[in-house]
C-alpha atoms as a PDB file:
ATOM      1  CA  MET A   1       0.000   0.000   0.000  1.00  0.00           C
ATOM      2  CA  MET A   2       1.380   3.378  -1.000  1.00  0.00           C
ATOM      3  CA  SER A   3       1.271   6.272   1.445  1.00  0.00           C
ATOM      4  CA  ILE A   4      -0.237   9.629   0.556  1.00  0.00           C
ATOM      5  CA  GLU A   5       3.289  11.040   0.380  1.00  0.00           C
ATOM      6  CA  GLU A   6       4.395   8.331  -2.070  1.00  0.00           C
ATOM      7  CA  ILE A   7       1.328   8.869  -4.239  1.00  0.00           C
ATOM      8  CA  THR A   8       1.919  12.629  -4.205  1.00  0.00           C
ATOM      9  CA  GLN A   9       5.506  12.111  -5.368  1.00  0.00           C
ATOM     10  CA  LEU A  10       4.317   9.706  -8.087  1.00  0.00           C
ATOM     11  CA  ALA A  11       1.833  12.318  -9.352  1.00  0.00           C
ATOM     12  CA  ILE A  12       4.488  15.053  -9.304  1.00  0.00           C
ATOM     13  CA  ARG A  13       6.872  12.908 -11.371  1.00  0.00           C
ATOM     14  CA  ALA A  14       4.113  11.817 -13.772  1.00  0.00           C
ATOM     15  CA  HIS A  15       2.910  15.381 -14.470  1.00  0.00           C
ATOM     16  CA  SER A  16       6.407  16.903 -14.592  1.00  0.00           C
ATOM     17  CA  GLY A  17       6.627  19.563 -17.302  1.00  0.00           C
ATOM     18  CA  GLN A  18       2.911  19.589 -18.126  1.00  0.00           C
ATOM     19  CA  LYS A  19       1.117  22.942 -18.347  1.00  0.00           C
ATOM     20  CA  ASP A  20      -2.542  23.911 -18.181  1.00  0.00           C
ATOM     21  CA  MET A  21      -4.364  26.074 -20.732  1.00  0.00           C
ATOM     22  CA  ILE A  22      -2.788  29.311 -19.551  1.00  0.00           C
ATOM     23  CA  GLY A  23       0.670  27.940 -18.843  1.00  0.00           C
ATOM     24  CA  ASN A  24       0.550  27.060 -15.151  1.00  0.00           C
ATOM     25  CA  PRO A  25       2.080  23.760 -14.014  1.00  0.00           C
ATOM     26  CA  ALA A  26      -0.628  21.086 -14.331  1.00  0.00           C
ATOM     27  CA  ILE A  27       0.450  19.535 -11.039  1.00  0.00           C
ATOM     28  CA  LEU A  28      -1.016  22.504  -9.145  1.00  0.00           C
ATOM     29  CA  HIS A  29      -4.534  21.409 -10.150  1.00  0.00           C
ATOM     30  CA  VAL A  30      -3.816  17.781  -9.255  1.00  0.00           C
ATOM     31  CA  LEU A  31      -2.452  18.738  -5.839  1.00  0.00           C
ATOM     32  CA  ALA A  32      -5.412  21.035  -5.152  1.00  0.00           C
ATOM     33  CA  VAL A  33      -7.906  18.262  -5.970  1.00  0.00           C
ATOM     34  CA  GLY A  34      -6.026  15.786  -3.791  1.00  0.00           C
ATOM     35  CA  LEU A  35      -5.934  18.180  -0.875  1.00  0.00           C
ATOM     36  CA  MET A  36      -9.703  18.678  -1.125  1.00  0.00           C
ATOM     37  CA  GLY A  37     -10.306  15.015  -0.310  1.00  0.00           C
ATOM     38  CA  GLU A  38     -11.923  14.274   3.027  1.00  0.00           C
ATOM     39  CA  THR A  39     -10.656  10.717   3.418  1.00  0.00           C
ATOM     40  CA  GLU A  40      -7.262   9.178   2.766  1.00  0.00           C
ATOM     41  CA  GLN A  41      -8.702   7.315  -0.229  1.00  0.00           C
ATOM     42  CA  GLU A  42     -10.214  10.508  -1.681  1.00  0.00           C
ATOM     43  CA  LYS A  43      -6.882  12.292  -1.276  1.00  0.00           C
ATOM     44  CA  LYS A  44      -5.006   9.464  -3.007  1.00  0.00           C
ATOM     45  CA  ALA A  45      -7.523   9.252  -5.863  1.00  0.00           C
ATOM     46  CA  GLY A  46      -7.477  13.049  -6.147  1.00  0.00           C
ATOM     47  CA  PHE A  47      -3.704  13.127  -6.539  1.00  0.00           C
ATOM     48  CA  LEU A  48      -3.964  10.410  -9.194  1.00  0.00           C
ATOM     49  CA  HIS A  49      -7.192  11.461 -10.925  1.00  0.00           C
ATOM     50  CA  ASP A  50      -5.464  12.736 -14.107  1.00  0.00           C
ATOM     51  CA  VAL A  51      -2.484  10.360 -14.196  1.00  0.00           C
ATOM     52  CA  VAL A  52      -3.927   7.683 -16.509  1.00  0.00           C
ATOM     53  CA  GLU A  53      -5.678  10.241 -18.722  1.00  0.00           C
ATOM     54  CA  ASP A  54      -2.788  12.690 -19.093  1.00  0.00           C
ATOM     55  CA  THR A  55       0.433  10.676 -18.725  1.00  0.00           C
ATOM     56  CA  ASP A  56       1.954   7.403 -19.890  1.00  0.00           C
ATOM     57  CA  LEU A  57       1.111   5.631 -16.623  1.00  0.00           C
ATOM     58  CA  THR A  58      -1.507   2.891 -16.749  1.00  0.00           C
ATOM     59  CA  LEU A  59      -3.749   1.393 -14.117  1.00  0.00           C
ATOM     60  CA  GLU A  60      -1.566  -1.711 -14.207  1.00  0.00           C
ATOM     61  CA  ALA A  61       1.561   0.365 -13.604  1.00  0.00           C
ATOM     62  CA  LEU A  62      -0.141   2.008 -10.623  1.00  0.00           C
ATOM     63  CA  ARG A  63      -1.220  -1.407  -9.333  1.00  0.00           C
ATOM     64  CA  SER A  64       2.319  -2.751  -9.634  1.00  0.00           C
ATOM     65  CA  GLN A  65       3.589   0.202  -7.578  1.00  0.00           C
ATOM     66  CA  GLY A  66       1.210  -0.638  -4.731  1.00  0.00           C
ATOM     67  CA  VAL A  67      -1.811   1.601  -5.256  1.00  0.00           C
ATOM     68  CA  GLU A  68      -4.818   0.020  -3.523  1.00  0.00           C
ATOM     69  CA  GLU A  69      -7.666  -1.465  -5.539  1.00  0.00           C
ATOM     70  CA  ASP A  70     -10.322   0.933  -4.218  1.00  0.00           C
ATOM     71  CA  VAL A  71      -8.198   3.902  -5.310  1.00  0.00           C
ATOM     72  CA  LEU A  72      -7.516   2.244  -8.686  1.00  0.00           C
ATOM     73  CA  THR A  73     -11.242   1.665  -9.198  1.00  0.00           C
ATOM     74  CA  ALA A  74     -11.897   5.366  -8.561  1.00  0.00           C
ATOM     75  CA  VAL A  75      -9.032   6.448 -10.853  1.00  0.00           C
ATOM     76  CA  ASP A  76     -10.374   4.157 -13.578  1.00  0.00           C
ATOM     77  CA  LEU A  77     -13.816   5.785 -13.298  1.00  0.00           C
ATOM     78  CA  LEU A  78     -12.226   9.269 -13.270  1.00  0.00           C
ATOM     79  CA  THR A  79     -10.295   8.610 -16.476  1.00  0.00           C
ATOM     80  CA  HIS A  80     -12.124  10.204 -19.419  1.00  0.00           C
ATOM     81  CA  ARG A  81     -11.380   7.946 -22.359  1.00  0.00           C
ATOM     82  CA  ASP A  82     -11.320   8.800 -26.047  1.00  0.00           C
ATOM     83  CA  GLY A  83     -14.607   8.145 -27.814  1.00  0.00           C
ATOM     84  CA  VAL A  84     -16.727   8.706 -24.677  1.00  0.00           C
ATOM     85  CA  SER A  85     -18.677  11.966 -24.538  1.00  0.00           C
ATOM     86  CA  TYR A  86     -18.101  14.124 -21.475  1.00  0.00           C
ATOM     87  CA  GLU A  87     -21.740  13.723 -20.493  1.00  0.00           C
ATOM     88  CA  ASP A  88     -21.539   9.915 -20.661  1.00  0.00           C
ATOM     89  CA  TYR A  89     -18.284   9.986 -18.717  1.00  0.00           C
ATOM     90  CA  VAL A  90     -19.937  11.960 -15.886  1.00  0.00           C
ATOM     91  CA  ARG A  91     -23.054   9.773 -15.989  1.00  0.00           C
ATOM     92  CA  ASN A  92     -20.859   6.658 -15.670  1.00  0.00           C
ATOM     93  CA  ILE A  93     -19.203   8.039 -12.544  1.00  0.00           C
ATOM     94  CA  VAL A  94     -22.590   8.724 -10.966  1.00  0.00           C
ATOM     95  CA  ALA A  95     -24.073   5.380 -12.068  1.00  0.00           C
ATOM     96  CA  SER A  96     -21.132   3.525 -10.517  1.00  0.00           C
ATOM     97  CA  GLY A  97     -22.168   4.653  -7.049  1.00  0.00           C
ATOM     98  CA  ASN A  98     -18.441   4.800  -6.194  1.00  0.00           C
ATOM     99  CA  GLU A  99     -18.295   7.419  -3.439  1.00  0.00           C
ATOM    100  CA  ILE A 100     -14.561   7.994  -3.803  1.00  0.00           C
ATOM    101  CA  ALA A 101     -14.866   8.740  -7.534  1.00  0.00           C
ATOM    102  CA  ILE A 102     -17.989  10.878  -7.070  1.00  0.00           C
ATOM    103  CA  HIS A 103     -16.401  13.003  -4.329  1.00  0.00           C
ATOM    104  CA  VAL A 104     -13.137  13.400  -6.249  1.00  0.00           C
ATOM    105  CA  LYS A 105     -15.032  14.389  -9.410  1.00  0.00           C
ATOM    106  CA  LEU A 106     -16.950  17.044  -7.474  1.00  0.00           C
ATOM    107  CA  ASN A 107     -13.658  18.337  -6.051  1.00  0.00           C
ATOM    108  CA  ASP A 108     -12.161  18.315  -9.564  1.00  0.00           C
ATOM    109  CA  LEU A 109     -15.114  20.246 -10.972  1.00  0.00           C
ATOM    110  CA  ARG A 110     -15.128  22.812  -8.178  1.00  0.00           C
ATOM    111  CA  GLN A 111     -11.399  23.369  -8.489  1.00  0.00           C
ATOM    112  CA  ASN A 112     -11.690  23.688 -12.281  1.00  0.00           C
ATOM    113  CA  LEU A 113     -14.564  26.170 -12.033  1.00  0.00           C
ATOM    114  CA  GLY A 114     -12.607  28.366  -9.624  1.00  0.00           C
ATOM    115  CA  ARG A 115      -9.513  28.068 -11.775  1.00  0.00           C
ATOM    116  CA  ALA A 116     -11.460  29.089 -14.913  1.00  0.00           C
ATOM    117  CA  ALA A 117     -12.681  32.301 -13.317  1.00  0.00           C
ATOM    118  CA  ASP A 118      -9.214  33.034 -11.937  1.00  0.00           C
ATOM    119  CA  SER A 119      -7.577  32.351 -15.312  1.00  0.00           C
ATOM    120  CA  MET A 120      -9.864  34.792 -17.106  1.00  0.00           C
ATOM    121  CA  LEU A 121      -9.174  37.521 -14.545  1.00  0.00           C
ATOM    122  CA  ARG A 122      -5.408  36.964 -14.704  1.00  0.00           C
ATOM    123  CA  LEU A 123      -5.331  37.019 -18.500  1.00  0.00           C
ATOM    124  CA  GLU A 124      -7.367  40.237 -18.550  1.00  0.00           C
ATOM    125  CA  SER A 125      -5.259  41.947 -15.903  1.00  0.00           C
ATOM    126  CA  CYS A 126      -1.965  41.290 -17.666  1.00  0.00           C
ATOM    127  CA  GLY A 127      -3.287  42.296 -21.091  1.00  0.00           C
ATOM    128  CA  ARG A 128      -3.227  38.786 -22.544  1.00  0.00           C
ATOM    129  CA  ARG A 129      -6.777  38.883 -23.867  1.00  0.00           C
ATOM    130  CA  ASP A 130      -7.178  35.919 -26.208  1.00  0.00           C
ATOM    131  CA  ASP A 131     -10.770  35.622 -27.415  1.00  0.00           C
ATOM    132  CA  ALA A 132     -10.388  32.012 -28.570  1.00  0.00           C
ATOM    133  CA  LEU A 133      -8.913  30.988 -25.215  1.00  0.00           C
ATOM    134  CA  PHE A 134     -11.647  32.876 -23.352  1.00  0.00           C
ATOM    135  CA  ARG A 135     -14.350  31.106 -25.387  1.00  0.00           C
ATOM    136  CA  GLU A 136     -12.741  27.742 -24.624  1.00  0.00           C
ATOM    137  CA  ILE A 137     -12.539  28.510 -20.900  1.00  0.00           C
ATOM    138  CA  VAL A 138     -16.214  29.577 -20.907  1.00  0.00           C
ATOM    139  CA  ARG A 139     -17.218  26.400 -22.813  1.00  0.00           C
ATOM    140  CA  ILE A 140     -15.354  24.162 -20.387  1.00  0.00           C
ATOM    141  CA  ALA A 141     -16.705  26.035 -17.360  1.00  0.00           C
ATOM    142  CA  ALA A 142     -20.276  25.600 -18.635  1.00  0.00           C
ATOM    143  CA  LEU A 143     -19.706  21.873 -19.108  1.00  0.00           C
ATOM    144  CA  HIS A 144     -18.209  21.581 -15.633  1.00  0.00           C
ATOM    145  CA  GLY A 145     -21.102  23.552 -14.169  1.00  0.00           C
ATOM    146  CA  TRP A 146     -23.555  21.138 -15.808  1.00  0.00           C
ATOM    147  CA  ALA A 147     -21.579  18.154 -14.468  1.00  0.00           C
ATOM    148  CA  GLU A 148     -21.541  19.501 -10.909  1.00  0.00           C
ATOM    149  CA  GLN A 149     -25.308  20.089 -10.973  1.00  0.00           C
ATOM    150  CA  TYR A 150     -25.930  16.649 -12.512  1.00  0.00           C
ATOM    151  CA  ILE A 151     -23.899  14.895  -9.823  1.00  0.00           C
ATOM    152  CA  LEU A 152     -25.496  16.886  -7.004  1.00  0.00           C
ATOM    153  CA  SER A 153     -29.042  16.287  -8.304  1.00  0.00           C
ATOM    154  CA  ALA A 154     -28.347  12.557  -8.732  1.00  0.00           C
ATOM    155  CA  ALA A 155     -27.175  12.370  -5.126  1.00  0.00           C
ATOM    156  CA  ASN A 156     -30.545  13.631  -3.853  1.00  0.00           C
END
């Protein structure tokens, strides 16, 4: 079983050099989502939630390094695969009933929504207005807003 510290280091190595849409290190988002977790398993899945989707690491590689099965199950659900619409991806997480994956996805969405608003303000304030980038941030934020509401309404 890997500790939270070991999983954090794994995520840092895996996302090394990656940048987000506006050029910030991608690991900052991953760390923020992990830190939002309430349980040890939510923290671990949060730190790993983008690893399979955005790096060369596979679920099997994570398993061989000692990541627990319940965390792997959540990471598998949190991995948005090619050919699956975003809406179906979110619906699959909810339909799974996997509380770790559902909580991590909500944390991911909330962190992304806050980051989108912050990104737009930062770009504006430093004179880097890019209409195409703004439209993309708004599109993604709307999709994430829908996903958050869908998950919350399904939970009730």
